[in-house]
Amino acid sequence: MKTIVFSMFAGLLLTAQTALAQPVEKTDLQLFNDVAKAVNRYERFTIFDDVSAEVKSGVVTLTGKVTEPYKRDDLLKRVTKVDGVNAVVSKVEVLPASLWDDQLRYRIARAIYGNANFWNYGASANPSIHIVVERGRVTLTGVVQSDVDRMLARTLVMQDGVLSVTNNLRTEAEARAELEKM
């Protein structure tokens, strides 16, 4: 009798250890949040870089543009290390080196973040408005509080040397709705 009880107890113990050893799979939303933290906490990620992630069944697809090749490589390494990521597909492009684009980036950043309406956006460690400049073409990405802020940001971008503006800014309500769809 003691042998049977001990065997049953040992069997239950082994079953419990096996169950505990198996990793709990994260949902795509949980994984997306972890990947977003990894990208946003990258110390060299600036307002002039824009990287987005899509997660499907543990496979992360990174898209966007960065100003330096090492940033693309570093971000790929960071995301690969996130617990629960099965694979990473990197479609992140490196913007061409251009003194003109660099000057335009800084002028636009000063125009937006120097405007009193946007001071609260610039106060955080990772400002929510990103400015991507490629060959004089500007793309605004990120999240703003209202449609008024979205329109004002676009207006502030219109400067000498800007060939076109793509305004991909979303309001907080739009961003929340996107997350809820996941």
C-alpha atoms as a PDB file:
ATOM      1  CA  MET A   1       0.000   0.000   0.000  1.00  0.00           C
ATOM      2  CA  LYS A   2       2.798   2.417   0.886  1.00  0.00           C
ATOM      3  CA  THR A   3       4.485   1.641  -2.428  1.00  0.00           C
ATOM      4  CA  ILE A   4       1.345   2.406  -4.395  1.00  0.00           C
ATOM      5  CA  VAL A   5       0.782   5.689  -2.529  1.00  0.00           C
ATOM      6  CA  PHE A   6       4.412   6.691  -3.020  1.00  0.00           C
ATOM      7  CA  SER A   7       4.235   5.802  -6.738  1.00  0.00           C
ATOM      8  CA  MET A   8       1.058   7.822  -7.187  1.00  0.00           C
ATOM      9  CA  PHE A   9       2.600  10.765  -5.315  1.00  0.00           C
ATOM     10  CA  ALA A  10       5.808  10.552  -7.380  1.00  0.00           C
ATOM     11  CA  GLY A  11       3.729  10.398 -10.569  1.00  0.00           C
ATOM     12  CA  LEU A  12       1.716  13.460  -9.544  1.00  0.00           C
ATOM     13  CA  LEU A  13       4.919  15.283  -8.643  1.00  0.00           C
ATOM     14  CA  LEU A  14       6.471  14.518 -12.039  1.00  0.00           C
ATOM     15  CA  THR A  15       3.283  15.588 -13.828  1.00  0.00           C
ATOM     16  CA  ALA A  16       3.222  18.867 -11.885  1.00  0.00           C
ATOM     17  CA  GLN A  17       6.892  19.543 -12.665  1.00  0.00           C
ATOM     18  CA  THR A  18       6.312  18.871 -16.367  1.00  0.00           C
ATOM     19  CA  ALA A  19       3.319  21.204 -16.405  1.00  0.00           C
ATOM     20  CA  LEU A  20       5.306  23.913 -14.646  1.00  0.00           C
ATOM     21  CA  ALA A  21       8.266  23.511 -16.993  1.00  0.00           C
ATOM     22  CA  GLN A  22       6.174  24.112 -20.104  1.00  0.00           C
ATOM     23  CA  PRO A  23       6.102  27.806 -20.977  1.00  0.00           C
ATOM     24  CA  VAL A  24       2.774  29.549 -20.992  1.00  0.00           C
ATOM     25  CA  GLU A  25       2.108  30.909 -24.461  1.00  0.00           C
ATOM     26  CA  LYS A  26       1.482  34.615 -24.676  1.00  0.00           C
ATOM     27  CA  THR A  27      -1.340  36.034 -26.718  1.00  0.00           C
ATOM     28  CA  ASP A  28      -0.395  38.111 -29.749  1.00  0.00           C
ATOM     29  CA  LEU A  29      -1.491  41.243 -27.888  1.00  0.00           C
ATOM     30  CA  GLN A  30       0.747  40.445 -24.900  1.00  0.00           C
ATOM     31  CA  LEU A  31       3.624  39.732 -27.258  1.00  0.00           C
ATOM     32  CA  PHE A  32       2.941  42.949 -29.177  1.00  0.00           C
ATOM     33  CA  ASN A  33       3.101  44.937 -25.918  1.00  0.00           C
ATOM     34  CA  ASP A  34       6.406  43.291 -24.968  1.00  0.00           C
ATOM     35  CA  VAL A  35       7.865  43.996 -28.421  1.00  0.00           C
ATOM     36  CA  ALA A  36       6.677  47.619 -28.240  1.00  0.00           C
ATOM     37  CA  LYS A  37       8.443  48.013 -24.883  1.00  0.00           C
ATOM     38  CA  ALA A  38      11.645  46.523 -26.319  1.00  0.00           C
ATOM     39  CA  VAL A  39      11.584  48.973 -29.236  1.00  0.00           C
ATOM     40  CA  ASN A  40      10.588  52.036 -27.196  1.00  0.00           C
ATOM     41  CA  ARG A  41      13.195  51.347 -24.520  1.00  0.00           C
ATOM     42  CA  TYR A  42      16.003  51.201 -27.060  1.00  0.00           C
ATOM     43  CA  GLU A  43      18.154  54.137 -25.983  1.00  0.00           C
ATOM     44  CA  ARG A  44      19.080  55.142 -29.545  1.00  0.00           C
ATOM     45  CA  PHE A  45      15.489  55.153 -30.846  1.00  0.00           C
ATOM     46  CA  THR A  46      14.652  58.795 -31.610  1.00  0.00           C
ATOM     47  CA  ILE A  47      11.810  60.902 -32.953  1.00  0.00           C
ATOM     48  CA  PHE A  48      13.463  60.564 -36.373  1.00  0.00           C
ATOM     49  CA  ASP A  49      12.967  56.774 -36.417  1.00  0.00           C
ATOM     50  CA  ASP A  50       9.691  54.941 -36.871  1.00  0.00           C
ATOM     51  CA  VAL A  51       9.278  51.206 -36.313  1.00  0.00           C
ATOM     52  CA  SER A  52       6.005  49.294 -36.175  1.00  0.00           C
ATOM     53  CA  ALA A  53       5.386  45.681 -35.282  1.00  0.00           C
ATOM     54  CA  GLU A  54       2.778  43.165 -36.287  1.00  0.00           C
ATOM     55  CA  VAL A  55       2.449  39.905 -34.373  1.00  0.00           C
ATOM     56  CA  LYS A  56       0.791  36.769 -35.643  1.00  0.00           C
ATOM     57  CA  SER A  57       1.158  33.415 -33.877  1.00  0.00           C
ATOM     58  CA  GLY A  58       4.426  34.446 -32.263  1.00  0.00           C
ATOM     59  CA  VAL A  59       5.978  35.721 -35.499  1.00  0.00           C
ATOM     60  CA  VAL A  60       6.887  39.408 -35.318  1.00  0.00           C
ATOM     61  CA  THR A  61       7.124  41.504 -38.483  1.00  0.00           C
ATOM     62  CA  LEU A  62       8.966  44.785 -38.029  1.00  0.00           C
ATOM     63  CA  THR A  63       8.421  47.590 -40.540  1.00  0.00           C
ATOM     64  CA  GLY A  64       9.472  51.200 -40.673  1.00  0.00           C
ATOM     65  CA  LYS A  65      12.501  53.396 -41.201  1.00  0.00           C
ATOM     66  CA  VAL A  66      15.533  54.261 -39.097  1.00  0.00           C
ATOM     67  CA  THR A  67      18.321  56.777 -39.591  1.00  0.00           C
ATOM     68  CA  GLU A  68      21.277  54.392 -39.107  1.00  0.00           C
ATOM     69  CA  PRO A  69      21.982  50.750 -40.080  1.00  0.00           C
ATOM     70  CA  TYR A  70      23.092  49.801 -36.548  1.00  0.00           C
ATOM     71  CA  LYS A  71      19.652  50.810 -35.222  1.00  0.00           C
ATOM     72  CA  ARG A  72      17.934  48.313 -37.521  1.00  0.00           C
ATOM     73  CA  ASP A  73      20.346  45.582 -36.413  1.00  0.00           C
ATOM     74  CA  ASP A  74      20.075  46.449 -32.704  1.00  0.00           C
ATOM     75  CA  LEU A  75      16.278  46.499 -32.811  1.00  0.00           C
ATOM     76  CA  LEU A  76      16.219  43.112 -34.540  1.00  0.00           C
ATOM     77  CA  LYS A  77      18.423  41.665 -31.779  1.00  0.00           C
ATOM     78  CA  ARG A  78      16.287  43.214 -29.035  1.00  0.00           C
ATOM     79  CA  VAL A  79      13.020  41.908 -30.455  1.00  0.00           C
ATOM     80  CA  THR A  80      14.474  38.434 -31.064  1.00  0.00           C
ATOM     81  CA  LYS A  81      15.256  38.223 -27.319  1.00  0.00           C
ATOM     82  CA  VAL A  82      11.670  38.992 -26.238  1.00  0.00           C
ATOM     83  CA  ASP A  83      10.224  35.976 -24.445  1.00  0.00           C
ATOM     84  CA  GLY A  84       7.630  34.235 -26.606  1.00  0.00           C
ATOM     85  CA  VAL A  85       8.882  35.460 -29.991  1.00  0.00           C
ATOM     86  CA  ASN A  86       9.173  32.502 -32.375  1.00  0.00           C
ATOM     87  CA  ALA A  87      10.633  34.405 -35.340  1.00  0.00           C
ATOM     88  CA  VAL A  88      11.263  37.951 -36.518  1.00  0.00           C
ATOM     89  CA  VAL A  89      10.847  39.246 -40.050  1.00  0.00           C
ATOM     90  CA  SER A  90      12.614  42.574 -40.462  1.00  0.00           C
ATOM     91  CA  LYS A  91      11.356  44.927 -43.139  1.00  0.00           C
ATOM     92  CA  VAL A  92      12.937  47.965 -41.484  1.00  0.00           C
ATOM     93  CA  GLU A  93      14.628  50.250 -43.997  1.00  0.00           C
ATOM     94  CA  VAL A  94      17.592  52.537 -43.393  1.00  0.00           C
ATOM     95  CA  LEU A  95      17.049  56.112 -44.558  1.00  0.00           C
ATOM     96  CA  PRO A  96      19.693  57.436 -46.969  1.00  0.00           C
ATOM     97  CA  ALA A  97      22.354  59.673 -45.470  1.00  0.00           C
ATOM     98  CA  SER A  98      21.616  63.272 -46.412  1.00  0.00           C
ATOM     99  CA  LEU A  99      22.743  66.520 -44.844  1.00  0.00           C
ATOM    100  CA  TRP A 100      19.687  68.236 -46.340  1.00  0.00           C
ATOM    101  CA  ASP A 101      17.298  65.709 -44.755  1.00  0.00           C
ATOM    102  CA  ASP A 102      19.125  66.022 -41.413  1.00  0.00           C
ATOM    103  CA  GLN A 103      18.695  69.803 -41.437  1.00  0.00           C
ATOM    104  CA  LEU A 104      15.033  69.414 -42.373  1.00  0.00           C
ATOM    105  CA  ARG A 105      14.475  66.911 -39.535  1.00  0.00           C
ATOM    106  CA  TYR A 106      15.846  69.327 -36.941  1.00  0.00           C
ATOM    107  CA  ARG A 107      13.904  72.319 -38.304  1.00  0.00           C
ATOM    108  CA  ILE A 108      10.659  70.348 -38.254  1.00  0.00           C
ATOM    109  CA  ALA A 109      11.328  68.980 -34.756  1.00  0.00           C
ATOM    110  CA  ARG A 110      11.943  72.524 -33.483  1.00  0.00           C
ATOM    111  CA  ALA A 111       8.765  73.755 -35.182  1.00  0.00           C
ATOM    112  CA  ILE A 112       6.616  71.001 -33.662  1.00  0.00           C
ATOM    113  CA  TYR A 113       8.121  70.529 -30.219  1.00  0.00           C
ATOM    114  CA  GLY A 114       8.866  74.248 -29.864  1.00  0.00           C
ATOM    115  CA  ASN A 115       5.174  75.027 -30.275  1.00  0.00           C
ATOM    116  CA  ALA A 116       3.380  75.460 -26.936  1.00  0.00           C
ATOM    117  CA  ASN A 117       0.592  73.075 -28.025  1.00  0.00           C
ATOM    118  CA  PHE A 118       3.138  70.245 -28.270  1.00  0.00           C
ATOM    119  CA  TRP A 119       5.236  70.836 -25.159  1.00  0.00           C
ATOM    120  CA  ASN A 120       3.446  68.053 -23.298  1.00  0.00           C
ATOM    121  CA  TYR A 121       4.295  65.618 -26.148  1.00  0.00           C
ATOM    122  CA  GLY A 122       7.991  66.444 -25.971  1.00  0.00           C
ATOM    123  CA  ALA A 123       8.183  66.126 -22.191  1.00  0.00           C
ATOM    124  CA  SER A 124       8.173  62.314 -22.179  1.00  0.00           C
ATOM    125  CA  ALA A 125      11.237  60.099 -22.545  1.00  0.00           C
ATOM    126  CA  ASN A 126       9.941  58.859 -25.909  1.00  0.00           C
ATOM    127  CA  PRO A 127       7.909  61.635 -27.570  1.00  0.00           C
ATOM    128  CA  SER A 128       4.852  60.341 -29.370  1.00  0.00           C
ATOM    129  CA  ILE A 129       5.265  62.267 -32.639  1.00  0.00           C
ATOM    130  CA  HIS A 130       7.894  60.826 -34.982  1.00  0.00           C
ATOM    131  CA  ILE A 131       9.286  62.704 -37.971  1.00  0.00           C
ATOM    132  CA  VAL A 132      10.586  60.616 -40.861  1.00  0.00           C
ATOM    133  CA  VAL A 133      12.303  62.576 -43.621  1.00  0.00           C
ATOM    134  CA  GLU A 134      13.391  60.864 -46.822  1.00  0.00           C
ATOM    135  CA  ARG A 135      14.654  62.935 -49.740  1.00  0.00           C
ATOM    136  CA  GLY A 136      12.610  65.958 -48.651  1.00  0.00           C
ATOM    137  CA  ARG A 137       9.416  63.965 -48.143  1.00  0.00           C
ATOM    138  CA  VAL A 138       8.083  64.033 -44.592  1.00  0.00           C
ATOM    139  CA  THR A 139       5.967  61.416 -42.858  1.00  0.00           C
ATOM    140  CA  LEU A 140       4.510  62.107 -39.413  1.00  0.00           C
ATOM    141  CA  THR A 141       3.659  59.067 -37.298  1.00  0.00           C
ATOM    142  CA  GLY A 142       2.553  58.525 -33.740  1.00  0.00           C
ATOM    143  CA  VAL A 143      -0.317  59.421 -31.476  1.00  0.00           C
ATOM    144  CA  VAL A 144      -1.801  62.824 -30.634  1.00  0.00           C
ATOM    145  CA  GLN A 145      -4.671  63.800 -28.355  1.00  0.00           C
ATOM    146  CA  SER A 146      -6.986  65.325 -30.957  1.00  0.00           C
ATOM    147  CA  ASP A 147      -7.673  66.057 -34.607  1.00  0.00           C
ATOM    148  CA  VAL A 148      -6.697  69.673 -33.949  1.00  0.00           C
ATOM    149  CA  ASP A 149      -3.210  68.567 -32.864  1.00  0.00           C
ATOM    150  CA  ARG A 150      -2.958  66.317 -35.927  1.00  0.00           C
ATOM    151  CA  MET A 151      -3.811  69.216 -38.269  1.00  0.00           C
ATOM    152  CA  LEU A 152      -1.566  71.688 -36.424  1.00  0.00           C
ATOM    153  CA  ALA A 153       1.410  69.307 -36.629  1.00  0.00           C
ATOM    154  CA  ARG A 154       0.908  68.977 -40.375  1.00  0.00           C
ATOM    155  CA  THR A 155       0.763  72.752 -40.746  1.00  0.00           C
ATOM    156  CA  LEU A 156       3.994  73.204 -38.784  1.00  0.00           C
ATOM    157  CA  VAL A 157       5.780  70.759 -41.099  1.00  0.00           C
ATOM    158  CA  MET A 158       5.094  72.825 -44.204  1.00  0.00           C
ATOM    159  CA  GLN A 159       8.431  74.602 -44.604  1.00  0.00           C
ATOM    160  CA  ASP A 160      10.890  75.462 -47.349  1.00  0.00           C
ATOM    161  CA  GLY A 161      12.440  72.284 -48.686  1.00  0.00           C
ATOM    162  CA  VAL A 162       9.532  69.994 -47.813  1.00  0.00           C
ATOM    163  CA  LEU A 163       8.390  68.308 -51.012  1.00  0.00           C
ATOM    164  CA  SER A 164       5.419  66.452 -49.537  1.00  0.00           C
ATOM    165  CA  VAL A 165       3.816  65.583 -46.209  1.00  0.00           C
ATOM    166  CA  THR A 166       2.133  62.321 -45.266  1.00  0.00           C
ATOM    167  CA  ASN A 167       0.270  62.704 -42.002  1.00  0.00           C
ATOM    168  CA  ASN A 168      -0.122  59.277 -40.374  1.00  0.00           C
ATOM    169  CA  LEU A 169      -0.750  60.695 -36.904  1.00  0.00           C
ATOM    170  CA  ARG A 170      -3.622  58.999 -35.080  1.00  0.00           C
ATOM    171  CA  THR A 171      -5.672  60.247 -32.189  1.00  0.00           C
ATOM    172  CA  GLU A 172      -5.588  58.389 -28.866  1.00  0.00           C
ATOM    173  CA  ALA A 173      -9.110  57.095 -29.559  1.00  0.00           C
ATOM    174  CA  GLU A 174      -8.033  55.689 -32.925  1.00  0.00           C
ATOM    175  CA  ALA A 175      -4.982  54.023 -31.380  1.00  0.00           C
ATOM    176  CA  ARG A 176      -7.120  52.422 -28.633  1.00  0.00           C
ATOM    177  CA  ALA A 177      -9.582  51.140 -31.237  1.00  0.00           C
ATOM    178  CA  GLU A 178      -6.724  49.531 -33.175  1.00  0.00           C
ATOM    179  CA  LEU A 179      -5.468  47.760 -30.057  1.00  0.00           C
ATOM    180  CA  GLU A 180      -8.942  46.481 -29.262  1.00  0.00           C
ATOM    181  CA  LYS A 181      -9.108  44.851 -32.701  1.00  0.00           C
ATOM    182  CA  MET A 182      -6.086  42.720 -31.845  1.00  0.00           C
END
